[in-house]
Protein backbone atom coordinates (compact mmCIF):
# COMPACT_ATOMS: atom_id res chain seq x y z
CA UNK A 1 24.96 32.16 -18.81
CA UNK A 2 22.11 34.60 -19.38
CA UNK A 3 20.16 35.24 -16.15
CA UNK A 4 17.07 36.20 -18.17
CA UNK A 5 16.71 32.75 -19.69
CA UNK A 6 13.76 30.75 -18.36
CA UNK A 7 14.52 27.77 -16.18
CA UNK A 8 13.55 24.35 -17.49
CA UNK A 9 12.92 22.97 -14.03
CA UNK A 10 10.65 23.90 -11.21
CA UNK A 11 11.65 24.29 -7.57
CA UNK A 12 11.23 21.23 -5.37
CA UNK A 13 7.69 20.76 -4.08
CA UNK A 14 7.13 21.95 -0.50
CA UNK A 15 7.83 19.36 2.19
CA UNK A 16 4.53 18.54 3.88
CA UNK A 17 4.70 16.37 6.99
CA UNK A 18 2.44 13.33 7.22
CA UNK A 19 -0.52 13.31 9.61
CA UNK A 20 -1.22 10.33 11.84
CA UNK A 21 -4.88 10.00 12.78
CA UNK A 22 -6.69 6.93 14.19
CA UNK A 23 -3.62 4.73 13.61
CA UNK A 24 -3.36 5.66 9.92
CA UNK A 25 -0.64 7.82 8.34
CA UNK A 26 -1.88 10.27 5.70
CA UNK A 27 0.63 11.80 3.33
CA UNK A 28 1.03 13.28 -0.10
CA UNK A 29 1.80 10.69 -2.77
CA UNK A 30 4.91 12.04 -4.51
CA UNK A 31 5.08 8.99 -6.80
CA UNK A 32 1.43 8.86 -7.91
CA UNK A 33 2.21 7.55 -11.42
CA UNK A 34 3.90 4.52 -9.87
CA UNK A 35 0.76 3.74 -7.87
CA UNK A 36 -1.94 4.01 -10.52
CA UNK A 37 -2.35 7.77 -10.55
CA UNK A 38 -3.00 9.64 -13.78
CA UNK A 39 -1.33 12.97 -12.95
CA UNK A 40 1.76 14.37 -11.21
CA UNK A 41 0.64 15.46 -7.75
CA UNK A 42 -2.70 16.04 -6.10
CA UNK A 43 -2.97 12.61 -4.42
CA UNK A 44 -3.37 11.74 -0.75
CA UNK A 45 -2.47 8.26 0.40
CA UNK A 46 -3.49 6.43 3.58
CA UNK A 47 -0.83 4.07 4.94
CA UNK A 48 -0.77 1.53 7.75
CA UNK A 49 2.21 2.79 9.80
CA UNK A 50 2.94 -0.68 11.19
CA UNK A 51 3.35 -2.37 7.80
CA UNK A 52 3.88 0.67 5.51
CA UNK A 53 1.22 -0.82 3.20
CA UNK A 54 -1.12 1.45 1.32
CA UNK A 55 -4.74 1.35 2.43
CA UNK A 56 -6.16 3.73 -0.16
CA UNK A 57 -5.24 6.62 -2.46
CA UNK A 58 -7.43 9.63 -3.32
CA UNK A 59 -7.13 12.29 -6.02
CA UNK A 60 -7.68 15.46 -3.96
CA UNK A 61 -7.64 17.81 -6.97
CA UNK A 62 -7.14 17.67 -10.71
CA UNK A 63 -3.82 18.66 -12.25
CA UNK A 64 -4.06 19.69 -15.90
CA UNK A 65 -1.61 17.54 -17.85
CA UNK A 66 -0.22 18.90 -21.14
CA UNK A 67 2.01 15.96 -22.07
CA UNK A 68 -0.04 15.16 -25.22
CA UNK A 69 0.81 18.63 -26.54
CA UNK A 70 4.51 17.97 -26.05
CA UNK A 71 4.76 20.12 -22.91
CA UNK A 72 6.18 18.56 -19.76
CA UNK A 73 3.74 18.94 -16.86
CA UNK A 74 5.74 19.74 -13.72
CA UNK A 75 2.91 18.78 -11.37
CA UNK A 76 1.09 20.57 -8.59
CA UNK A 77 1.76 19.34 -5.09
CA UNK A 78 0.51 20.06 -1.59
CA UNK A 79 1.65 23.23 0.16
CA UNK A 80 -0.03 22.48 3.50
CA UNK A 81 -2.04 19.76 5.15
CA UNK A 82 -3.78 19.94 8.53
CA UNK A 83 -6.17 17.78 10.51
CA UNK A 84 -9.42 19.59 11.29
CA UNK A 85 -10.07 19.72 15.02
CA UNK A 86 -12.64 17.25 16.30
CA UNK A 87 -13.29 15.57 12.94
CA UNK A 88 -12.07 12.96 10.49
CA UNK A 89 -11.18 15.59 7.89
CA UNK A 90 -7.92 16.97 6.56
CA UNK A 91 -7.65 20.35 4.85
CA UNK A 92 -5.20 20.27 1.95
CA UNK A 93 -3.83 23.39 0.28
CA UNK A 94 -2.27 23.04 -3.17
CA UNK A 95 0.82 24.93 -4.31
CA UNK A 96 -1.41 27.35 -6.21
CA UNK A 97 -3.57 28.11 -3.17
CA UNK A 98 -6.61 25.90 -3.75
CA UNK A 99 -8.08 24.53 -0.52
CA UNK A 100 -9.82 21.16 -0.30
CA UNK A 101 -11.48 19.27 2.52
CA UNK A 102 -10.81 15.53 2.53
CA UNK A 103 -13.29 13.36 4.41
CA UNK A 104 -11.16 10.45 5.63
CA UNK A 105 -14.17 8.27 6.37
CA UNK A 106 -15.87 8.71 2.99
CA UNK A 107 -12.56 9.09 1.10
CA UNK A 108 -13.88 12.14 -0.73
CA UNK A 109 -12.46 15.56 -1.52
CA UNK A 110 -14.44 18.81 -1.71
CA UNK A 111 -13.11 22.11 -3.04
CA UNK A 112 -13.40 24.86 -0.41
CA UNK A 113 -11.76 27.98 -1.86
CA UNK A 114 -9.05 29.44 -4.05
CA UNK A 115 -7.99 28.30 -7.51
CA UNK A 116 -9.41 24.92 -8.46
């Protein structure tokens, strides 16, 4: 096997622990296509921890999909997620370093810094 050959697969996405806030569990949706998403990665889901039912799903950032050009899109997943102190906001960092602020009350995402 030639070590200089490119790999056809990407490393596993980082493991990002869910956040529980105000009796809701917030986590990255690793199966977004199965839940109505239109891209691999970039989705946050709110879940009722008692029933494990989804409350809502939000696209935090756009992932450019190249499937129509015959190129498999490996996805772009969360690297980090943290609850902002004293607020109903979560900061999400993508694998490529983009930072986004998710308002849990309004269910909106705003780009803060880094690659978008």
